[in-house]
Every structure is written in structure tokens, then in C-alpha cells.
Amino acid sequence: MEGHQIPLPSPCAQDDLFLAKWTFIRYLVLGSFMSYRFWKLSGKAREAYTEGANPQDVFKGRHPFEQHPRMSAKLAMARWLPARFFWAGCLFIQSEGVGLAVYFGVSALMDNFTIFFVHDFCYCKYATSVALYTMSLASFLPTAAFAYYFQHKWYEGKPWNPIRAERWYKSKSSFIATMVLITVLFFILRLKLIETIGWDATVDGLLDFLGSIKVSFAICVPPLIDFVQSFMLVMAAKLQEHALPDQSFDPERPTVLNDPGTDPERPARPVLVGRAALRDPLIPKPKSGKAAAGA
């Protein structure tokens, strides 16, 4: 028809469709990583548990099973694979996987919305995707640091209701809300930084050097970065677990033998009292073994 022009397809249209088609790979990588962690938790629970025993006694001193003995017992006794993965997933979210779940629950949603629905970027979606995900390696670090320093203090073993917590911020809901806030804040800063320094233009120019494989490369970048971030979030929780001091002995409250106010399960350290007596002349010195026997 004269005067009617058929709109030409965007030069990025075919590449963007190819990118959207293979976006599921990142979720496959995340699912595989989490399944591996579920399997490891399940194996450790079955190894530690003895059927018919008290879960609180069996899992004592074994993190994270000690904090969730009933759930851990159900995990250890589960024989059906989907049931084992269900209980392992519940335990994972309650312990080492909470940071991963919160971060990717927020970040993945915002990343995909920005890539596929925000049209303010001047480059193809595959270039935008690589720019967003590579920059996320830096903007993700505050979330990982917060999980490392505060997960054991604010989340594990704490109530959901801030009113029932020792301090209102030392609760599960406060920890999750703060993680969501940090993730959203640094996602916005990531977008501003990409725009300010022209990182998307730099990435687009670098991808042009790859020629025909640039879109395939762009498809592989998000799953790889997701794996690195997942590993770092889980390791942040596990490293903090090993970094916690031994709570069985408080140096500010030395144990005295035959002290009725002392916890019977707390290790006795009469040597501290003996050393104090040797230093302070006002404290009577303890008798030696031979003197005590002679008396």
C-alpha cells in the first residue's frame, strides 16, 4: 500500500530472542548448586543420626543440625528422595543458604526486569546483560559482607518477631529486611555506575571482538557469575561458623570448684584460681597434692 512502510526489525532483535531463550541456564546452575548443598546436608545428617536416639543429644555440637534437631532428624530418617530434598532445603534456608535465597530472590528479579523490560539502554540486551552481571561482582560484595558478619548474630537461633528478640534488630525478620534493603540499594547504585562510567559501551565494544560467538559468550556470563556469588554467600556463612569463639568458657567468669552457681556442664578450670592465688598474697595459696595427703 502506497505511503505505508513496514517497520524494519531491530538489528538486536534476533540476538535478544536467542538470549531470552537460553536465560534458563542461570536457573539451572543455581538449582544444581543448591541441590549439591542439599545432598551434602542430607549425607551429614544421616551420618550423625542414630535411629531412636534423642535428636538434641545426637546433633549436639554439629552445626546447623544442633540448632534444628527435629528438622534434622526428619531429614536423616527420610528415605524418599523428594522428601530428603525438601527437609534439606528447609534446613539450608534456615542456615547457610539464607543469604543466597534472599540475594537471588531480589537480585534475579531486578536483573531480568532491567534487561528485558527497561528500554533506557542504548545497546543490545546481550551487552546489557554482561554489563549488569560483571558489575554485580562489585555491587554484590556489601551483601556478602553483611551475611558474613551478621548472619550468626541476627538470624540463626533468633526469633522472627523483633519484639521477642533480645534487641529488636537481632531477629530473623530484621536480618532479611536489611539484606533486601542492601541488595536493592546497591542494585540502584550499580545501574547509576554503569551509566556514569559508560560500562555498557565498553562491554559492547569488547564483545565485538568475539565476532559470531559474542551472544553465546553473553549467555554463559550470568550463570558463571551466579555460581561465584552463590559459592561466596554460602562460604560466608560457613566461615563465620568456624570463626565463632568457643562459648563453653568465659574468661571474664572463671570457674571455681564447688561453686553452686556454676554450670555443671561447663569445664572446670581451677588452674586459673591457683594462678591468681600465686600472684595475690591476700588469697590463700592452694595446698599441693603431697601436703593435702599429709593433712
Protein backbone atom coordinates (compact mmCIF):
# COMPACT_ATOMS: atom_id res chain seq x y z
CA MET A 1 0.00 0.00 0.00
CA GLU A 2 1.41 3.36 -1.04
CA GLY A 3 2.58 5.51 1.86
CA HIS A 4 2.66 2.58 4.28
CA GLN A 5 6.09 1.39 5.41
CA ILE A 6 6.71 -1.91 7.13
CA PRO A 7 8.85 -1.28 10.22
CA LEU A 8 12.27 -2.88 9.94
CA PRO A 9 13.26 -5.28 12.71
CA SER A 10 15.83 -4.05 15.20
CA PRO A 11 19.39 -5.25 14.49
CA CYS A 12 19.37 -6.66 18.04
CA ALA A 13 16.01 -8.48 17.73
CA GLN A 14 17.35 -11.89 16.73
CA ASP A 15 20.20 -11.82 19.24
CA ASP A 16 17.86 -10.70 22.03
CA LEU A 17 15.44 -13.54 21.28
CA PHE A 18 18.31 -16.01 21.38
CA LEU A 19 19.42 -14.59 24.74
CA ALA A 20 15.92 -14.82 26.19
CA LYS A 21 15.60 -18.42 25.00
CA TRP A 22 18.65 -19.53 26.97
CA THR A 23 18.12 -17.46 30.12
CA PHE A 24 17.01 -20.61 31.95
CA ILE A 25 20.66 -21.76 32.11
CA ARG A 26 21.34 -19.46 35.06
CA TYR A 27 18.49 -21.03 37.00
CA LEU A 28 19.78 -24.48 36.08
CA VAL A 29 23.17 -23.57 37.54
CA LEU A 30 21.60 -22.17 40.71
CA GLY A 31 19.40 -25.24 41.07
CA SER A 32 22.38 -27.57 40.60
CA PHE A 33 24.43 -25.74 43.20
CA MET A 34 21.62 -25.80 45.74
CA SER A 35 20.90 -29.48 45.02
CA TYR A 36 24.53 -30.27 45.73
CA ARG A 37 24.32 -28.45 49.07
CA PHE A 38 21.06 -30.29 49.87
CA TRP A 39 22.77 -33.61 49.17
CA LYS A 40 25.72 -32.71 51.41
CA LEU A 41 23.44 -31.69 54.28
CA SER A 42 21.42 -34.87 53.90
CA GLY A 43 24.53 -37.04 53.99
CA LYS A 44 25.90 -35.34 57.10
CA ALA A 45 22.55 -35.63 58.89
CA ARG A 46 22.24 -39.36 58.13
CA GLU A 47 25.83 -39.93 59.21
CA ALA A 48 25.30 -38.24 62.58
CA TYR A 49 21.84 -39.53 63.43
CA THR A 50 21.12 -42.75 65.30
CA GLU A 51 17.56 -44.02 64.96
CA GLY A 52 15.64 -43.92 68.23
CA ALA A 53 18.07 -41.53 69.91
CA ASN A 54 17.24 -38.08 71.22
CA PRO A 55 17.92 -35.61 68.36
CA GLN A 56 19.15 -32.93 70.77
CA ASP A 57 21.81 -35.31 72.07
CA VAL A 58 22.76 -36.80 68.72
CA PHE A 59 23.25 -33.48 66.94
CA LYS A 60 24.90 -31.67 69.84
CA GLY A 61 27.91 -29.72 68.60
CA ARG A 62 27.03 -30.25 64.93
CA HIS A 63 26.09 -27.10 63.07
CA PRO A 64 23.46 -26.49 61.69
CA PHE A 65 21.75 -29.64 62.98
CA GLU A 66 22.12 -28.66 66.63
CA GLN A 67 20.01 -25.52 66.09
CA HIS A 68 17.23 -27.51 64.34
CA PRO A 69 17.26 -31.02 65.87
CA ARG A 70 13.71 -32.06 64.91
CA MET A 71 14.06 -30.93 61.31
CA SER A 72 17.47 -32.62 61.14
CA ALA A 73 16.01 -35.86 62.48
CA LYS A 74 13.30 -35.81 59.80
CA LEU A 75 15.96 -35.21 57.19
CA ALA A 76 18.06 -38.11 58.45
CA MET A 77 15.09 -40.51 58.55
CA ALA A 78 13.70 -39.54 55.13
CA ARG A 79 14.08 -42.34 52.60
CA TRP A 80 12.20 -40.86 49.66
CA LEU A 81 14.50 -38.58 47.64
CA PRO A 82 12.00 -35.70 47.22
CA ALA A 83 11.33 -35.78 50.98
CA ARG A 84 15.06 -35.68 51.71
CA PHE A 85 15.50 -32.70 49.39
CA PHE A 86 12.51 -30.95 50.95
CA TRP A 87 13.84 -31.20 54.50
CA ALA A 88 17.38 -30.42 53.35
CA GLY A 89 16.05 -27.32 51.58
CA CYS A 90 14.23 -26.19 54.73
CA LEU A 91 17.40 -26.68 56.75
CA PHE A 92 19.50 -24.95 54.07
CA ILE A 93 17.27 -21.87 54.10
CA GLN A 94 17.40 -21.80 57.90
CA SER A 95 21.21 -21.86 57.99
CA GLU A 96 23.89 -21.40 55.35
CA GLY A 97 21.53 -20.69 52.46
CA VAL A 98 19.52 -17.77 53.83
CA GLY A 99 21.84 -15.18 52.30
CA LEU A 100 21.78 -16.92 48.94
CA ALA A 101 17.98 -17.19 48.92
CA VAL A 102 17.42 -13.54 49.86
CA TYR A 103 20.02 -12.14 47.49
CA PHE A 104 18.99 -14.10 44.41
CA GLY A 105 15.30 -13.76 45.20
CA VAL A 106 15.71 -9.98 44.93
CA SER A 107 18.62 -9.61 42.51
CA ALA A 108 17.45 -12.09 39.87
CA LEU A 109 14.04 -10.44 39.69
CA MET A 110 15.53 -6.96 39.30
CA ASP A 111 18.19 -8.10 36.81
CA ASN A 112 15.70 -9.78 34.50
CA PHE A 113 13.27 -6.88 34.72
CA THR A 114 16.03 -4.42 33.82
CA ILE A 115 17.37 -6.50 30.93
CA PHE A 116 14.10 -7.39 29.24
CA PHE A 117 11.67 -4.60 30.19
CA VAL A 118 13.73 -1.42 30.68
CA HIS A 119 14.47 0.26 27.35
CA ASP A 120 16.71 3.08 28.53
CA PHE A 121 19.86 1.23 27.47
CA CYS A 122 21.25 2.01 24.02
CA TYR A 123 22.76 -1.41 23.35
CA CYS A 124 21.54 -4.92 22.67
CA LYS A 125 20.24 -6.89 25.60
CA TYR A 126 23.14 -9.35 25.50
CA ALA A 127 25.57 -6.45 26.03
CA THR A 128 23.36 -5.01 28.79
CA SER A 129 23.25 -8.43 30.44
CA VAL A 130 27.04 -8.80 30.50
CA ALA A 131 27.46 -5.23 31.76
CA LEU A 132 24.99 -5.77 34.61
CA TYR A 133 26.39 -9.12 35.73
CA THR A 134 30.07 -8.21 35.57
CA MET A 135 29.42 -5.06 37.60
CA SER A 136 27.44 -7.14 40.10
CA LEU A 137 30.68 -8.80 41.20
CA ALA A 138 31.49 -5.50 42.92
CA SER A 139 27.99 -4.38 43.99
CA PHE A 140 27.36 -7.84 45.48
CA LEU A 141 30.21 -7.60 48.00
CA PRO A 142 28.35 -5.50 50.63
CA THR A 143 25.60 -8.14 50.76
CA ALA A 144 28.16 -10.92 51.21
CA ALA A 145 29.96 -8.93 53.90
CA PHE A 146 26.73 -8.32 55.79
CA ALA A 147 25.89 -12.04 55.66
CA TYR A 148 29.38 -12.89 56.91
CA TYR A 149 29.31 -10.55 59.91
CA PHE A 150 25.67 -10.65 60.99
CA GLN A 151 24.01 -13.93 60.00
CA HIS A 152 25.06 -15.74 63.18
CA LYS A 153 24.31 -12.68 65.32
CA TRP A 154 20.95 -11.66 63.88
CA TYR A 155 19.48 -14.74 62.23
CA GLU A 156 20.47 -18.18 63.46
CA GLY A 157 18.78 -19.09 66.72
CA LYS A 158 16.89 -15.79 66.83
CA PRO A 159 13.09 -15.26 66.81
CA TRP A 160 11.17 -13.94 63.81
CA ASN A 161 9.33 -11.32 65.85
CA PRO A 162 11.61 -8.36 66.71
CA ILE A 163 9.55 -7.69 69.85
CA ARG A 164 10.58 -11.06 71.30
CA ALA A 165 14.25 -10.60 70.45
CA GLU A 166 16.92 -9.57 72.95
CA ARG A 167 17.42 -6.49 70.76
CA TRP A 168 14.80 -5.57 68.18
CA TYR A 169 17.34 -5.80 65.34
CA LYS A 170 18.61 -9.23 66.41
CA SER A 171 15.78 -11.14 64.74
CA LYS A 172 15.30 -13.12 61.55
CA SER A 173 12.91 -10.59 60.04
CA SER A 174 15.32 -7.70 60.70
CA PHE A 175 18.18 -9.63 59.11
CA ILE A 176 16.18 -10.45 55.98
CA ALA A 177 14.79 -6.91 55.68
CA THR A 178 18.28 -5.44 55.96
CA MET A 179 19.64 -7.84 53.33
CA VAL A 180 16.82 -6.91 50.95
CA LEU A 181 17.48 -3.21 51.56
CA ILE A 182 21.22 -3.59 50.92
CA THR A 183 20.62 -5.61 47.74
CA VAL A 184 18.14 -3.09 46.32
CA LEU A 185 20.29 -0.09 47.27
CA PHE A 186 23.43 -1.44 45.63
CA PHE A 187 21.48 -2.61 42.58
CA ILE A 188 20.39 1.01 42.02
CA LEU A 189 23.97 2.19 42.58
CA ARG A 190 25.13 -0.44 40.09
CA LEU A 191 22.82 0.98 37.38
CA LYS A 192 24.00 4.52 38.10
CA LEU A 193 27.64 3.46 38.00
CA ILE A 194 27.20 1.65 34.66
CA GLU A 195 25.60 4.75 33.20
CA THR A 196 28.19 7.15 34.68
CA ILE A 197 31.33 5.35 33.52
CA GLY A 198 29.82 4.01 30.29
CA TRP A 199 30.45 0.40 31.24
CA ASP A 200 27.78 -0.90 28.84
CA ALA A 201 29.54 0.84 25.92
CA THR A 202 32.86 -0.69 26.99
CA VAL A 203 31.34 -4.16 27.22
CA ASP A 204 29.65 -3.79 23.83
CA GLY A 205 32.97 -2.87 22.25
CA LEU A 206 34.75 -5.80 23.91
CA LEU A 207 32.07 -8.26 22.79
CA ASP A 208 32.51 -7.17 19.18
CA PHE A 209 35.99 -8.71 19.26
CA LEU A 210 34.37 -12.14 19.78
CA GLY A 211 32.53 -11.96 16.48
CA SER A 212 29.85 -14.58 15.93
CA ILE A 213 30.20 -16.16 19.39
CA LYS A 214 29.54 -12.94 21.33
CA VAL A 215 25.90 -13.83 22.08
CA SER A 216 26.84 -17.35 23.19
CA PHE A 217 29.51 -15.85 25.44
CA ALA A 218 26.97 -13.40 26.86
CA ILE A 219 24.64 -16.31 27.67
CA CYS A 220 27.38 -18.04 29.70
CA VAL A 221 28.38 -14.98 31.76
CA PRO A 222 25.32 -14.78 34.09
CA PRO A 223 25.41 -18.48 35.15
CA LEU A 224 29.14 -18.26 35.84
CA ILE A 225 28.75 -15.15 37.99
CA ASP A 226 25.72 -16.67 39.75
CA PHE A 227 27.85 -19.67 40.68
CA VAL A 228 30.65 -17.45 42.06
CA GLN A 229 28.19 -15.39 44.09
CA SER A 230 26.37 -18.48 45.40
CA PHE A 231 29.65 -20.03 46.49
CA MET A 232 30.75 -16.82 48.24
CA LEU A 233 27.44 -16.42 50.11
CA VAL A 234 27.47 -20.00 51.38
CA MET A 235 31.15 -19.78 52.32
CA ALA A 236 30.49 -16.51 54.16
CA ALA A 237 28.05 -18.34 56.43
CA LYS A 238 30.30 -21.37 56.88
CA LEU A 239 33.47 -19.36 57.55
CA GLN A 240 31.68 -17.28 60.17
CA GLU A 241 30.51 -20.52 61.78
CA HIS A 242 34.12 -21.68 62.21
CA ALA A 243 35.22 -18.22 63.33
CA LEU A 244 32.82 -18.12 66.29
CA PRO A 245 34.61 -18.29 69.67
CA ASP A 246 34.09 -21.22 71.98
CA GLN A 247 31.18 -20.32 74.24
CA SER A 248 31.89 -23.11 76.70
CA PHE A 249 34.30 -20.97 78.72
CA ASP A 250 34.05 -17.27 79.54
CA PRO A 251 37.41 -15.75 80.57
CA GLU A 252 35.60 -12.98 82.45
CA ARG A 253 33.91 -15.56 84.69
CA PRO A 254 36.48 -18.14 85.80
CA THR A 255 35.18 -21.44 87.06
CA VAL A 256 35.65 -22.21 90.73
CA LEU A 257 35.37 -25.73 92.03
CA ASN A 258 32.27 -26.50 94.12
CA ASP A 259 30.66 -23.22 93.08
CA PRO A 260 26.88 -23.80 93.27
CA GLY A 261 26.27 -21.13 90.64
CA THR A 262 28.49 -22.82 88.07
CA ASP A 263 27.04 -24.68 85.12
CA PRO A 264 27.80 -28.39 85.71
CA GLU A 265 28.45 -28.94 82.01
CA ARG A 266 30.93 -26.10 81.90
CA PRO A 267 34.58 -27.27 82.01
CA ALA A 268 36.20 -26.64 85.35
CA ARG A 269 39.43 -24.65 85.28
CA PRO A 270 40.78 -24.50 88.85
CA VAL A 271 44.22 -23.63 87.45
CA LEU A 272 43.05 -20.04 86.97
CA VAL A 273 42.27 -19.76 90.67
CA GLY A 274 45.60 -21.30 91.54
CA ARG A 275 47.50 -18.80 89.41
CA ALA A 276 45.58 -15.91 90.94
CA ALA A 277 46.46 -17.14 94.40
CA LEU A 278 50.14 -17.26 93.50
CA ARG A 279 50.04 -13.65 92.34
CA ASP A 280 47.91 -12.13 95.14
CA PRO A 281 49.29 -12.56 98.69
CA LEU A 282 45.85 -11.88 100.21
CA ILE A 283 44.43 -15.03 98.61
CA PRO A 284 45.41 -18.22 100.44
CA LYS A 285 47.57 -20.41 98.25
CA PRO A 286 46.18 -23.86 97.37
CA LYS A 287 47.82 -26.81 99.04
CA SER A 288 49.94 -29.13 96.96
CA GLY A 289 48.96 -32.75 96.45
CA LYS A 290 51.50 -34.08 98.96
CA ALA A 291 50.54 -31.53 101.61
CA ALA A 292 46.88 -32.32 101.17
CA ALA A 293 47.58 -36.05 101.50
CA GLY A 294 49.62 -35.49 104.68
CA ALA A 295 46.85 -33.41 106.18
